[in-house]
Each structure stands twice: as structure tokens, then as C-alpha cells.
C-alpha atoms as a PDB file:
ATOM      1  CA  MET A   1       0.000   0.000   0.000  1.00  0.00           C
ATOM      2  CA  ALA A   2       2.798   2.415   0.932  1.00  0.00           C
ATOM      3  CA  VAL A   3       4.547   1.719  -2.381  1.00  0.00           C
ATOM      4  CA  LEU A   4       1.380   2.616  -4.297  1.00  0.00           C
ATOM      5  CA  ILE A   5       1.031   5.894  -2.355  1.00  0.00           C
ATOM      6  CA  PHE A   6       4.618   6.919  -3.118  1.00  0.00           C
ATOM      7  CA  LEU A   7       4.159   5.872  -6.756  1.00  0.00           C
ATOM      8  CA  GLY A   8       0.926   7.859  -6.975  1.00  0.00           C
ATOM      9  CA  PHE A   9       2.665  10.935  -5.591  1.00  0.00           C
ATOM     10  CA  PHE A  10       5.572  10.829  -8.034  1.00  0.00           C
ATOM     11  CA  VAL A  11       3.359  10.045 -11.053  1.00  0.00           C
ATOM     12  CA  SER A  12       0.998  12.918 -10.193  1.00  0.00           C
ATOM     13  CA  ALA A  13       3.997  15.234  -9.606  1.00  0.00           C
ATOM     14  CA  ILE A  14       5.447  14.446 -13.052  1.00  0.00           C
ATOM     15  CA  ALA A  15       2.008  14.774 -14.666  1.00  0.00           C
ATOM     16  CA  THR A  16       1.466  18.122 -12.907  1.00  0.00           C
ATOM     17  CA  PHE A  17       4.749  19.434 -14.331  1.00  0.00           C
ATOM     18  CA  PHE A  18       3.926  18.569 -17.947  1.00  0.00           C
ATOM     19  CA  ILE A  19       0.259  19.573 -17.776  1.00  0.00           C
ATOM     20  CA  ALA A  20       1.015  22.911 -16.097  1.00  0.00           C
ATOM     21  CA  SER A  21       3.739  23.690 -18.644  1.00  0.00           C
ATOM     22  CA  ASN A  22       1.258  23.145 -21.502  1.00  0.00           C
ATOM     23  CA  LEU A  23      -1.427  25.075 -19.632  1.00  0.00           C
ATOM     24  CA  ALA A  24       0.858  28.132 -19.551  1.00  0.00           C
ATOM     25  CA  VAL A  25       1.371  27.860 -23.333  1.00  0.00           C
ATOM     26  CA  PHE A  26      -2.349  27.596 -24.111  1.00  0.00           C
ATOM     27  CA  GLY A  27      -3.076  30.324 -21.588  1.00  0.00           C
ATOM     28  CA  ASP A  28      -0.958  32.601 -23.747  1.00  0.00           C
ATOM     29  CA  ALA A  29      -2.880  31.327 -26.795  1.00  0.00           C
ATOM     30  CA  VAL A  30      -6.224  32.166 -25.135  1.00  0.00           C
ATOM     31  CA  LYS A  31      -4.990  35.708 -24.549  1.00  0.00           C
ATOM     32  CA  GLU A  32      -4.210  35.968 -28.265  1.00  0.00           C
ATOM     33  CA  LYS A  33      -7.459  34.448 -29.568  1.00  0.00           C
ATOM     34  CA  THR A  34     -10.075  35.879 -27.203  1.00  0.00           C
ATOM     35  CA  LYS A  35     -11.788  39.247 -27.572  1.00  0.00           C
ATOM     36  CA  ALA A  36     -12.278  39.758 -23.842  1.00  0.00           C
ATOM     37  CA  THR A  37     -10.555  42.648 -22.072  1.00  0.00           C
ATOM     38  CA  SER A  38      -6.927  42.133 -21.134  1.00  0.00           C
ATOM     39  CA  THR A  39      -7.744  42.554 -17.439  1.00  0.00           C
ATOM     40  CA  VAL A  40     -10.319  39.743 -17.434  1.00  0.00           C
ATOM     41  CA  VAL A  41      -8.199  37.437 -19.573  1.00  0.00           C
ATOM     42  CA  GLY A  42      -5.115  38.192 -17.491  1.00  0.00           C
ATOM     43  CA  ALA A  43      -6.948  37.300 -14.281  1.00  0.00           C
ATOM     44  CA  VAL A  44      -8.312  34.029 -15.712  1.00  0.00           C
ATOM     45  CA  ILE A  45      -4.930  33.000 -17.085  1.00  0.00           C
ATOM     46  CA  GLY A  46      -3.170  33.982 -13.871  1.00  0.00           C
ATOM     47  CA  ILE A  47      -5.478  31.735 -11.866  1.00  0.00           C
ATOM     48  CA  ALA A  48      -5.181  28.905 -14.401  1.00  0.00           C
ATOM     49  CA  ILE A  49      -1.371  28.971 -14.411  1.00  0.00           C
ATOM     50  CA  SER A  50      -1.407  28.946 -10.598  1.00  0.00           C
ATOM     51  CA  LEU A  51      -3.845  26.008 -10.519  1.00  0.00           C
ATOM     52  CA  PRO A  52      -1.209  23.517  -9.233  1.00  0.00           C
ATOM     53  CA  GLU A  53      -0.687  25.577  -6.073  1.00  0.00           C
ATOM     54  CA  LEU A  54      -4.366  26.534  -5.800  1.00  0.00           C
ATOM     55  CA  THR A  55      -5.678  22.994  -6.283  1.00  0.00           C
ATOM     56  CA  SER A  56      -3.172  21.466  -3.884  1.00  0.00           C
ATOM     57  CA  SER A  57      -3.958  23.976  -1.133  1.00  0.00           C
ATOM     58  CA  VAL A  58      -7.735  23.779  -1.590  1.00  0.00           C
ATOM     59  CA  THR A  59      -7.565  19.980  -1.523  1.00  0.00           C
ATOM     60  CA  ALA A  60      -5.462  20.221   1.639  1.00  0.00           C
ATOM     61  CA  VAL A  61      -8.157  22.191   3.477  1.00  0.00           C
ATOM     62  CA  ILE A  62     -10.874  19.839   2.199  1.00  0.00           C
ATOM     63  CA  ILE A  63      -9.050  16.877   3.785  1.00  0.00           C
ATOM     64  CA  ASP A  64      -8.448  19.043   6.899  1.00  0.00           C
ATOM     65  CA  THR A  65      -4.664  19.479   6.700  1.00  0.00           C
ATOM     66  CA  PRO A  66      -4.215  23.270   7.034  1.00  0.00           C
ATOM     67  CA  GLY A  67      -0.490  22.906   7.702  1.00  0.00           C
ATOM     68  CA  LEU A  68      -0.018  21.327   4.280  1.00  0.00           C
ATOM     69  CA  ALA A  69      -2.028  24.114   2.611  1.00  0.00           C
ATOM     70  CA  VAL A  70       0.049  26.901   4.170  1.00  0.00           C
ATOM     71  CA  GLY A  71       3.317  24.993   3.789  1.00  0.00           C
ATOM     72  CA  ASN A  72       2.677  24.367   0.098  1.00  0.00           C
ATOM     73  CA  LEU A  73       2.319  28.064  -0.745  1.00  0.00           C
ATOM     74  CA  ILE A  74       5.070  29.418   1.522  1.00  0.00           C
ATOM     75  CA  GLY A  75       7.328  26.553   0.455  1.00  0.00           C
ATOM     76  CA  SER A  76       6.610  27.311  -3.218  1.00  0.00           C
ATOM     77  CA  ASN A  77       7.871  30.859  -2.691  1.00  0.00           C
ATOM     78  CA  LEU A  78      11.025  29.513  -1.060  1.00  0.00           C
ATOM     79  CA  PHE A  79      11.647  27.043  -3.894  1.00  0.00           C
ATOM     80  CA  ASN A  80      10.992  29.701  -6.561  1.00  0.00           C
ATOM     81  CA  LEU A  81      13.761  31.852  -5.081  1.00  0.00           C
ATOM     82  CA  LEU A  82      16.053  28.820  -4.868  1.00  0.00           C
ATOM     83  CA  GLY A  83      15.369  28.152  -8.557  1.00  0.00           C
ATOM     84  CA  LEU A  84      16.132  31.772  -9.407  1.00  0.00           C
ATOM     85  CA  ALA A  85      19.412  31.566  -7.470  1.00  0.00           C
ATOM     86  CA  VAL A  86      20.414  28.374  -9.306  1.00  0.00           C
ATOM     87  CA  PHE A  87      19.634  29.955 -12.683  1.00  0.00           C
ATOM     88  CA  ASP A  88      21.654  33.009 -11.630  1.00  0.00           C
ATOM     89  CA  LEU A  89      24.638  30.768 -10.937  1.00  0.00           C
ATOM     90  CA  ILE A  90      24.218  29.025 -14.292  1.00  0.00           C
ATOM     91  CA  TYR A  91      23.962  32.341 -16.175  1.00  0.00           C
ATOM     92  CA  ARG A  92      26.509  34.147 -13.979  1.00  0.00           C
ATOM     93  CA  LYS A  93      28.469  35.453 -16.982  1.00  0.00           C
ATOM     94  CA  HIS A  94      25.383  37.412 -18.048  1.00  0.00           C
ATOM     95  CA  GLN A  95      24.753  38.764 -14.516  1.00  0.00           C
ATOM     96  CA  ILE A  96      20.992  38.460 -15.041  1.00  0.00           C
ATOM     97  CA  MET A  97      20.121  40.049 -11.691  1.00  0.00           C
ATOM     98  CA  THR A  98      21.545  43.373 -12.839  1.00  0.00           C
ATOM     99  CA  GLN A  99      19.279  43.416 -15.903  1.00  0.00           C
ATOM    100  CA  THR A 100      15.934  43.833 -14.160  1.00  0.00           C
ATOM    101  CA  THR A 101      13.510  46.763 -14.077  1.00  0.00           C
ATOM    102  CA  VAL A 102      11.868  48.506 -11.121  1.00  0.00           C
ATOM    103  CA  GLU A 103       8.895  46.099 -11.457  1.00  0.00           C
ATOM    104  CA  SER A 104      10.868  43.223  -9.927  1.00  0.00           C
ATOM    105  CA  LYS A 105      12.028  45.382  -7.034  1.00  0.00           C
ATOM    106  CA  LEU A 106       8.503  46.621  -6.267  1.00  0.00           C
ATOM    107  CA  TYR A 107       7.041  43.102  -6.364  1.00  0.00           C
ATOM    108  CA  ALA A 108       9.834  41.944  -4.046  1.00  0.00           C
ATOM    109  CA  TYR A 109       8.818  44.597  -1.498  1.00  0.00           C
ATOM    110  CA  LEU A 110       5.183  43.542  -1.880  1.00  0.00           C
ATOM    111  CA  VAL A 111       6.121  39.895  -1.219  1.00  0.00           C
ATOM    112  CA  ILE A 112       7.980  40.922   1.949  1.00  0.00           C
ATOM    113  CA  PHE A 113       5.000  42.856   3.364  1.00  0.00           C
ATOM    114  CA  LEU A 114       2.558  40.061   2.452  1.00  0.00           C
ATOM    115  CA  THR A 115       4.801  37.455   4.085  1.00  0.00           C
ATOM    116  CA  ILE A 116       5.084  39.549   7.263  1.00  0.00           C
ATOM    117  CA  ILE A 117       1.273  39.480   7.523  1.00  0.00           C
ATOM    118  CA  VAL A 118       1.357  35.672   7.192  1.00  0.00           C
ATOM    119  CA  ILE A 119       3.998  35.388   9.933  1.00  0.00           C
ATOM    120  CA  VAL A 120       1.920  37.570  12.267  1.00  0.00           C
ATOM    121  CA  ALA A 121      -1.230  35.585  11.403  1.00  0.00           C
ATOM    122  CA  VAL A 122       0.391  32.228  12.205  1.00  0.00           C
ATOM    123  CA  SER A 123       2.174  33.526  15.335  1.00  0.00           C
ATOM    124  CA  PHE A 124      -0.691  35.565  16.781  1.00  0.00           C
ATOM    125  CA  PRO A 125      -4.044  34.412  15.351  1.00  0.00           C
ATOM    126  CA  LEU A 126      -6.293  37.432  14.894  1.00  0.00           C
ATOM    127  CA  PRO A 127     -10.082  37.489  15.484  1.00  0.00           C
ATOM    128  CA  THR A 128     -12.487  36.406  12.739  1.00  0.00           C
ATOM    129  CA  PRO A 129     -14.863  39.352  12.174  1.00  0.00           C
ATOM    130  CA  PHE A 130     -16.786  37.625   9.382  1.00  0.00           C
ATOM    131  CA  LEU A 131     -17.666  33.931   9.834  1.00  0.00           C
ATOM    132  CA  HIS A 132     -14.342  32.028   9.930  1.00  0.00           C
ATOM    133  CA  ILE A 133     -12.319  34.593   7.952  1.00  0.00           C
ATOM    134  CA  SER A 134      -9.651  36.447   9.949  1.00  0.00           C
ATOM    135  CA  TYR A 135      -8.457  40.045   9.708  1.00  0.00           C
ATOM    136  CA  SER A 136      -5.229  38.646   8.242  1.00  0.00           C
ATOM    137  CA  THR A 137      -7.015  37.439   5.125  1.00  0.00           C
ATOM    138  CA  PHE A 138      -8.680  40.805   4.561  1.00  0.00           C
ATOM    139  CA  ALA A 139      -5.282  42.482   5.018  1.00  0.00           C
ATOM    140  CA  LEU A 140      -3.616  40.141   2.502  1.00  0.00           C
ATOM    141  CA  VAL A 141      -6.262  40.707  -0.181  1.00  0.00           C
ATOM    142  CA  LEU A 142      -6.320  44.475   0.349  1.00  0.00           C
ATOM    143  CA  LEU A 143      -2.528  44.821   0.293  1.00  0.00           C
ATOM    144  CA  TYR A 144      -2.172  42.599  -2.794  1.00  0.00           C
ATOM    145  CA  VAL A 145      -4.849  44.436  -4.799  1.00  0.00           C
ATOM    146  CA  ILE A 146      -3.545  47.905  -3.919  1.00  0.00           C
ATOM    147  CA  GLY A 147       0.092  46.880  -4.330  1.00  0.00           C
ATOM    148  CA  ALA A 148      -0.418  45.149  -7.695  1.00  0.00           C
ATOM    149  CA  GLN A 149      -2.377  48.112  -9.074  1.00  0.00           C
ATOM    150  CA  LEU A 150       0.261  50.607  -7.974  1.00  0.00           C
ATOM    151  CA  ILE A 151       3.041  48.480  -9.466  1.00  0.00           C
ATOM    152  CA  ASN A 152       1.179  48.087 -12.779  1.00  0.00           C
ATOM    153  CA  LYS A 153       0.597  51.843 -13.013  1.00  0.00           C
ATOM    154  CA  ARG A 154       4.206  52.570 -12.105  1.00  0.00           C
ATOM    155  CA  THR A 155       5.657  50.183 -14.671  1.00  0.00           C
ATOM    156  CA  GLU A 156       3.411  50.848 -17.683  1.00  0.00           C
ATOM    157  CA  TYR A 157       5.249  51.668 -20.893  1.00  0.00           C
ATOM    158  CA  LYS A 158       4.362  52.024 -24.555  1.00  0.00           C
ATOM    159  CA  GLY A 159       6.643  49.210 -25.642  1.00  0.00           C
ATOM    160  CA  ARG A 160       4.100  46.661 -24.458  1.00  0.00           C
ATOM    161  CA  LYS A 161       1.796  47.498 -27.370  1.00  0.00           C
ATOM    162  CA  VAL A 162       4.545  46.629 -29.817  1.00  0.00           C
ATOM    163  CA  LYS A 163       5.268  43.485 -27.875  1.00  0.00           C
ATOM    164  CA  ASN A 164       1.646  42.356 -28.089  1.00  0.00           C
ATOM    165  CA  GLU A 165       1.503  42.979 -31.831  1.00  0.00           C
ATOM    166  CA  ARG A 166       4.475  40.702 -32.364  1.00  0.00           C
ATOM    167  CA  LYS A 167       2.753  37.921 -30.452  1.00  0.00           C
ATOM    168  CA  GLN A 168      -0.420  37.961 -32.560  1.00  0.00           C
ATOM    169  CA  GLU A 169       0.922  35.465 -35.086  1.00  0.00           C
ATOM    170  CA  ARG A 170       2.231  32.879 -32.633  1.00  0.00           C
ATOM    171  CA  TYR A 171      -0.784  30.531 -32.638  1.00  0.00           C
ATOM    172  CA  ARG A 172      -2.063  30.727 -36.213  1.00  0.00           C
ATOM    173  CA  GLU A 173      -2.261  26.925 -36.513  1.00  0.00           C
ATOM    174  CA  TYR A 174      -4.952  26.754 -33.806  1.00  0.00           C
ATOM    175  CA  THR A 175      -8.545  27.901 -34.071  1.00  0.00           C
ATOM    176  CA  ARG A 176     -10.203  29.760 -31.194  1.00  0.00           C
ATOM    177  CA  LYS A 177     -12.307  26.663 -30.376  1.00  0.00           C
ATOM    178  CA  GLN A 178      -9.237  24.382 -30.317  1.00  0.00           C
ATOM    179  CA  VAL A 179      -7.373  26.738 -28.004  1.00  0.00           C
ATOM    180  CA  LEU A 180     -10.283  27.063 -25.560  1.00  0.00           C
ATOM    181  CA  THR A 181     -10.945  23.292 -25.586  1.00  0.00           C
ATOM    182  CA  ARG A 182      -7.330  22.427 -24.830  1.00  0.00           C
ATOM    183  CA  PHE A 183      -7.041  25.154 -22.205  1.00  0.00           C
ATOM    184  CA  ILE A 184     -10.149  23.953 -20.331  1.00  0.00           C
ATOM    185  CA  SER A 185      -9.116  20.288 -20.660  1.00  0.00           C
ATOM    186  CA  LEU A 186      -5.669  21.010 -19.246  1.00  0.00           C
ATOM    187  CA  ALA A 187      -7.189  23.075 -16.414  1.00  0.00           C
ATOM    188  CA  VAL A 188      -9.447  20.142 -15.442  1.00  0.00           C
ATOM    189  CA  ALA A 189      -6.500  17.724 -15.701  1.00  0.00           C
ATOM    190  CA  ILE A 190      -4.332  19.879 -13.437  1.00  0.00           C
ATOM    191  CA  MET A 191      -7.097  20.008 -10.834  1.00  0.00           C
ATOM    192  CA  ILE A 192      -7.340  16.204 -10.845  1.00  0.00           C
ATOM    193  CA  MET A 193      -3.563  15.713 -10.640  1.00  0.00           C
ATOM    194  CA  GLY A 194      -3.211  18.428  -7.985  1.00  0.00           C
ATOM    195  CA  SER A 195      -5.820  16.699  -5.839  1.00  0.00           C
ATOM    196  CA  ILE A 196      -4.087  13.317  -6.170  1.00  0.00           C
ATOM    197  CA  LEU A 197      -0.755  14.987  -5.370  1.00  0.00           C
ATOM    198  CA  THR A 198      -2.117  16.488  -2.148  1.00  0.00           C
ATOM    199  CA  VAL A 199      -3.969  13.393  -0.927  1.00  0.00           C
ATOM    200  CA  THR A 200      -0.938  11.145  -1.484  1.00  0.00           C
ATOM    201  CA  ALA A 201       1.321  13.775   0.136  1.00  0.00           C
ATOM    202  CA  GLU A 202      -0.803  13.702   3.297  1.00  0.00           C
ATOM    203  CA  GLU A 203      -0.584   9.897   3.322  1.00  0.00           C
ATOM    204  CA  ILE A 204       3.206  10.133   2.974  1.00  0.00           C
ATOM    205  CA  ALA A 205       3.259  12.552   5.924  1.00  0.00           C
ATOM    206  CA  GLN A 206       1.368   9.976   8.000  1.00  0.00           C
ATOM    207  CA  ILE A 207       3.536   7.041   6.886  1.00  0.00           C
ATOM    208  CA  THR A 208       6.886   8.791   7.395  1.00  0.00           C
ATOM    209  CA  GLY A 209       5.906  10.883  10.423  1.00  0.00           C
ATOM    210  CA  LEU A 210       7.465  13.957   8.799  1.00  0.00           C
ATOM    211  CA  GLY A 211       4.373  16.097   9.349  1.00  0.00           C
ATOM    212  CA  SER A 212       2.054  17.707   6.815  1.00  0.00           C
ATOM    213  CA  SER A 213       3.706  21.160   7.052  1.00  0.00           C
ATOM    214  CA  PHE A 214       7.150  19.763   6.181  1.00  0.00           C
ATOM    215  CA  ILE A 215       5.775  17.634   3.336  1.00  0.00           C
ATOM    216  CA  GLY A 216       3.760  20.587   2.030  1.00  0.00           C
ATOM    217  CA  ALA A 217       6.643  23.051   2.230  1.00  0.00           C
ATOM    218  CA  PHE A 218       9.093  20.829   0.417  1.00  0.00           C
ATOM    219  CA  LEU A 219       7.685  17.815  -1.488  1.00  0.00           C
ATOM    220  CA  VAL A 220       4.380  19.365  -2.619  1.00  0.00           C
ATOM    221  CA  ALA A 221       5.828  22.867  -3.018  1.00  0.00           C
ATOM    222  CA  ILE A 222       8.651  21.637  -5.253  1.00  0.00           C
ATOM    223  CA  SER A 223       6.220  19.585  -7.370  1.00  0.00           C
ATOM    224  CA  THR A 224       3.819  22.494  -7.923  1.00  0.00           C
ATOM    225  CA  SER A 225       6.632  25.020  -8.532  1.00  0.00           C
ATOM    226  CA  LEU A 226       8.562  23.088 -11.186  1.00  0.00           C
ATOM    227  CA  PRO A 227       6.405  24.454 -14.062  1.00  0.00           C
ATOM    228  CA  ASP A 228       7.317  28.000 -12.958  1.00  0.00           C
ATOM    229  CA  ALA A 229      10.994  27.045 -12.954  1.00  0.00           C
ATOM    230  CA  SER A 230      10.597  25.585 -16.434  1.00  0.00           C
ATOM    231  CA  SER A 231       9.005  28.824 -17.712  1.00  0.00           C
ATOM    232  CA  VAL A 232      11.831  30.876 -16.196  1.00  0.00           C
ATOM    233  CA  GLY A 233      14.421  28.608 -17.808  1.00  0.00           C
ATOM    234  CA  THR A 234      12.746  29.066 -21.211  1.00  0.00           C
ATOM    235  CA  ALA A 235      12.696  32.860 -20.833  1.00  0.00           C
ATOM    236  CA  LEU A 236      16.376  32.885 -19.831  1.00  0.00           C
ATOM    237  CA  LYS A 237      17.333  30.814 -22.883  1.00  0.00           C
ATOM    238  CA  MET A 238      15.641  33.497 -24.987  1.00  0.00           C
ATOM    239  CA  ARG A 239      17.700  36.081 -23.034  1.00  0.00           C
ATOM    240  CA  ASN A 240      14.529  37.704 -21.760  1.00  0.00           C
ATOM    241  CA  TYR A 241      16.066  38.106 -18.321  1.00  0.00           C
ATOM    242  CA  ASN A 242      13.716  40.753 -16.959  1.00  0.00           C
ATOM    243  CA  LEU A 243      10.583  38.772 -17.922  1.00  0.00           C
ATOM    244  CA  ALA A 244      11.957  35.630 -16.255  1.00  0.00           C
ATOM    245  CA  ILE A 245      12.746  37.368 -12.974  1.00  0.00           C
ATOM    246  CA  SER A 246       9.706  39.660 -12.724  1.00  0.00           C
ATOM    247  CA  SER A 247       7.250  36.833 -13.532  1.00  0.00           C
ATOM    248  CA  LEU A 248       8.717  34.613 -10.807  1.00  0.00           C
ATOM    249  CA  ILE A 249       8.604  37.342  -8.147  1.00  0.00           C
ATOM    250  CA  GLY A 250       5.063  38.239  -9.257  1.00  0.00           C
ATOM    251  CA  SER A 251       4.132  34.568  -8.919  1.00  0.00           C
ATOM    252  CA  ASN A 252       5.358  34.621  -5.309  1.00  0.00           C
ATOM    253  CA  ALA A 253       3.035  37.529  -4.520  1.00  0.00           C
ATOM    254  CA  PHE A 254       0.119  35.720  -6.155  1.00  0.00           C
ATOM    255  CA  ASN A 255       0.868  32.569  -4.128  1.00  0.00           C
ATOM    256  CA  ILE A 256       0.214  34.509  -0.926  1.00  0.00           C
ATOM    257  CA  LEU A 257      -3.062  35.775  -2.384  1.00  0.00           C
ATOM    258  CA  ILE A 258      -3.965  32.111  -2.956  1.00  0.00           C
ATOM    259  CA  LEU A 259      -3.286  31.598   0.750  1.00  0.00           C
ATOM    260  CA  ALA A 260      -6.021  34.150   1.504  1.00  0.00           C
ATOM    261  CA  ILE A 261      -8.388  32.349  -0.894  1.00  0.00           C
ATOM    262  CA  THR A 262      -7.582  29.064   0.855  1.00  0.00           C
ATOM    263  CA  ASP A 263      -8.419  30.591   4.232  1.00  0.00           C
ATOM    264  CA  VAL A 264     -11.850  31.608   2.917  1.00  0.00           C
ATOM    265  CA  MET A 265     -12.466  27.993   1.870  1.00  0.00           C
ATOM    266  CA  TYR A 266     -11.373  26.509   5.199  1.00  0.00           C
ATOM    267  CA  PHE A 267     -14.697  26.311   7.069  1.00  0.00           C
ATOM    268  CA  ARG A 268     -13.385  24.397  10.096  1.00  0.00           C
ATOM    269  CA  GLY A 269     -11.793  27.485  11.652  1.00  0.00           C
ATOM    270  CA  ASN A 270      -8.955  29.958  11.178  1.00  0.00           C
ATOM    271  CA  LEU A 271      -6.471  28.486   8.684  1.00  0.00           C
ATOM    272  CA  PHE A 272      -3.519  30.380  10.138  1.00  0.00           C
ATOM    273  CA  SER A 273      -4.170  29.399  13.766  1.00  0.00           C
ATOM    274  CA  GLU A 274      -4.328  25.732  12.708  1.00  0.00           C
ATOM    275  CA  SER A 275      -1.007  25.936  10.865  1.00  0.00           C
ATOM    276  CA  SER A 276       2.267  24.504  12.185  1.00  0.00           C
ATOM    277  CA  GLN A 277       5.061  26.667  13.614  1.00  0.00           C
ATOM    278  CA  VAL A 278       7.361  25.155  10.968  1.00  0.00           C
ATOM    279  CA  ASN A 279       5.701  27.498   8.475  1.00  0.00           C
ATOM    280  CA  ILE A 280       6.909  30.516  10.480  1.00  0.00           C
ATOM    281  CA  ILE A 281      10.531  29.413   9.979  1.00  0.00           C
ATOM    282  CA  ILE A 282       9.914  28.900   6.257  1.00  0.00           C
ATOM    283  CA  ALA A 283       8.181  32.290   5.919  1.00  0.00           C
ATOM    284  CA  ILE A 284      11.039  34.089   7.720  1.00  0.00           C
ATOM    285  CA  ALA A 285      13.528  32.298   5.463  1.00  0.00           C
ATOM    286  CA  SER A 286      11.580  33.426   2.376  1.00  0.00           C
ATOM    287  CA  ILE A 287      11.880  37.061   3.542  1.00  0.00           C
ATOM    288  CA  VAL A 288      15.651  36.605   3.972  1.00  0.00           C
ATOM    289  CA  PHE A 289      15.794  35.135   0.447  1.00  0.00           C
ATOM    290  CA  VAL A 290      13.897  38.126  -0.960  1.00  0.00           C
ATOM    291  CA  LEU A 291      16.251  40.536   0.822  1.00  0.00           C
ATOM    292  CA  LEU A 292      19.233  38.744  -0.729  1.00  0.00           C
ATOM    293  CA  PHE A 293      17.441  38.975  -4.081  1.00  0.00           C
ATOM    294  CA  LEU A 294      16.976  42.738  -3.568  1.00  0.00           C
ATOM    295  CA  ILE A 295      20.690  43.106  -2.864  1.00  0.00           C
ATOM    296  CA  SER A 296      21.447  41.331  -6.143  1.00  0.00           C
ATOM    297  CA  ILE A 297      19.181  43.506  -8.302  1.00  0.00           C
ATOM    298  CA  SER A 298      19.879  46.836  -6.567  1.00  0.00           C
ATOM    299  CA  ARG A 299      23.670  46.939  -6.779  1.00  0.00           C
ATOM    300  CA  LYS A 300      25.865  47.944  -9.675  1.00  0.00           C
ATOM    301  CA  SER A 301      27.398  45.226 -11.834  1.00  0.00           C
ATOM    302  CA  PRO A 302      30.223  43.713  -9.737  1.00  0.00           C
ATOM    303  CA  LYS A 303      33.644  43.568 -11.316  1.00  0.00           C
ATOM    304  CA  TYR A 304      34.323  39.970 -10.278  1.00  0.00           C
ATOM    305  CA  GLN A 305      32.054  36.955 -10.848  1.00  0.00           C
ATOM    306  CA  PHE A 306      32.617  35.588  -7.338  1.00  0.00           C
ATOM    307  CA  THR A 307      31.433  38.824  -5.762  1.00  0.00           C
ATOM    308  CA  TYR A 308      28.366  38.785  -8.001  1.00  0.00           C
ATOM    309  CA  VAL A 309      27.250  35.232  -7.095  1.00  0.00           C
ATOM    310  CA  ILE A 310      27.573  35.553  -3.295  1.00  0.00           C
ATOM    311  CA  PRO A 311      23.819  36.307  -2.697  1.00  0.00           C
ATOM    312  CA  SER A 312      22.762  33.367  -4.872  1.00  0.00           C
ATOM    313  CA  ILE A 313      25.226  31.015  -3.162  1.00  0.00           C
ATOM    314  CA  LEU A 314      23.845  32.127   0.213  1.00  0.00           C
ATOM    315  CA  ILE A 315      20.279  31.386  -0.938  1.00  0.00           C
ATOM    316  CA  VAL A 316      21.232  27.850  -2.040  1.00  0.00           C
ATOM    317  CA  VAL A 317      23.089  27.129   1.224  1.00  0.00           C
ATOM    318  CA  LEU A 318      20.320  28.623   3.362  1.00  0.00           C
ATOM    319  CA  TYR A 319      17.658  26.588   1.539  1.00  0.00           C
ATOM    320  CA  PHE A 320      19.251  23.330   2.639  1.00  0.00           C
ATOM    321  CA  ALA A 321      19.836  24.739   6.143  1.00  0.00           C
ATOM    322  CA  VAL A 322      16.141  25.675   6.412  1.00  0.00           C
ATOM    323  CA  SER A 323      15.183  22.216   5.131  1.00  0.00           C
ATOM    324  CA  PHE A 324      17.270  20.618   7.872  1.00  0.00           C
ATOM    325  CA  VAL A 325      15.855  22.884  10.613  1.00  0.00           C
ATOM    326  CA  SER A 326      12.301  22.233   9.397  1.00  0.00           C
ATOM    327  CA  PHE A 327      12.982  18.491   9.388  1.00  0.00           C
ATOM    328  CA  GLN A 328      14.188  18.692  12.991  1.00  0.00           C
ATOM    329  CA  MET A 329      11.007  20.605  13.953  1.00  0.00           C
ATOM    330  CA  LYS A 330       8.673  18.117  12.285  1.00  0.00           C
END
């Protein structure tokens, strides 16, 4: 039985990676083919691309494992920054961190403030003024919406119109119906695989005794974040360094918004108060990672490669240190 559970987890993890990667491609195709406003389409595609994290966390609260739900999303943010650090080491000759715009920096600050709210919510559970929803959730949603709008206004530029025109011919071989059919089919498939991933992960937590928060923050988080890493790798190969970095940091901010959505769907109580203290360590570590990231993108181009890669090396080392500490706290 245990072998089947582990097999189910790894099969669903691999399937999630490939399905989510294709979902991102057809999400871009939907944006090209549809006549809906860019805001509506952008929101739908953003949710669809984040379906691995969303599905896993929602499934976690359905099976009453809030620690896994919180750990998955906070752990995803940690792994995303680890992935960015690894890519930075691989592309160190290009010094990709020095080729970002103000958008990445602003989203990094937003992620820090959102994560601080999560730390406070888990450490000191706040009252629930409306049904089971805490003040923390309202604060997360409000800060994300205001922050994202301010960042979008601050970083608007005319070049995007040219960029969009160039993309109009990318999916000529597909009809609008084909694109929508594949997009919806992949979205349904990712929800099924994400649910299997979460259920088997909880069983693994029970079998191994590692705890749902640890399993969520590392095993599930890595599985649901791999498609993001793949997208970043593709963008870097195309030398679109700013897009790769800004999209990953933006994804981290959206992951915390998903945490607020998950809290709304957890009817058994306050999601944050039911979460494990392990998630506090992981959330603090993610803030440290973001600060190291800010150091990398804010400084001038270092003269020596070794000096340039120090923040990324620290992130990689600290990731394994945090993994060990979290394992000890299980």
C-alpha cells in the first residue's frame, strides 16, 4: 500500500509538471485568440497557471490538513527563489540580476509585506470578524490588490503594445475553439492531478511521520513550482532576463493571495491558527531570500564573478539549512 502511495505521488507530480507547462502555453494562446478585455483574460490565465498551487492547497483544506495548505504556498515561494538563485549561478556570466527593471524590485517589497502578515497571522491568530475569515485574510487581499495596481501603473510603458503585436501570429495553426478546448481540458487535468498529489502527500506525511507542514513546504511545493521554474528557464534561454525574474517574483506575490483564498475555503476554523510553527521558519527564510534577491538587483554590476554570485550562493546554502531545521522541527 505504501509503495502505491509513493508511486501515486511521483506520477501525479510528473504529470502536474507537464500539464502545467502546456497550460501556460495555451493560456498565452487564449490571450491571443479571445476578444475579452486584457484585465479579465489576465486574471483568468493567472489563476489557471497557478492552478497547481491553488488545487493542492484547496484539496489540503478539504481533507483538513491546514499545515499542508500553508506549507505548500510558503514553500513554493522559497523554492521559486532557490530556482532563481540556481539559474543566476548558471547564467553568472550574463549577470541576469543586474538586468531587471523597477517592477521586480517593487514586487519583491510587496512579497515581503505580504509574508510579514502571514507570519503575524500564524504567530498571533487574529479574530475572525466575518464567519471564519480572519483580519489577516482581509489584510492580505487588500494589500495585494492595492500593491499590484500601484506596481502596474508605475511600470506601464508604450513598448508593451509593440510586444503584443508581435505575439499575434504565434498561434495561427490553432482555431479559437481548439485553443479554448485544450485550455479547459488542461485546467481540469491539473485540478485532478493536484488533488491526487495532495492526498498522497498527506498519506506520505502519515507514513513517514514527517508532518504535513514539512511535506507541504518541500515535497508538494517543489512539485507544484517546477512548471514556474521551467518557464523561467525558457525565458532565460531566450535572453529575456527581466521577464523571467519579474514573472517569478510576481508569482510569489500571487501565491500569498492564494493563501487568503484558501483561508476563505477553510470552514473548520482559522487556517492560520491551525497551521504549524514550521511554516513561520519557512516564511522568515523566504523574507531573507527576498532581501538577498533585492541586494542582487539593486547593486551595480560587480567587477568579479565571485562577488556577483555571493547572494545566490547564500540562498542555495540557506535553503538546505532551512530544510534541515524544518525536518528537525517536524
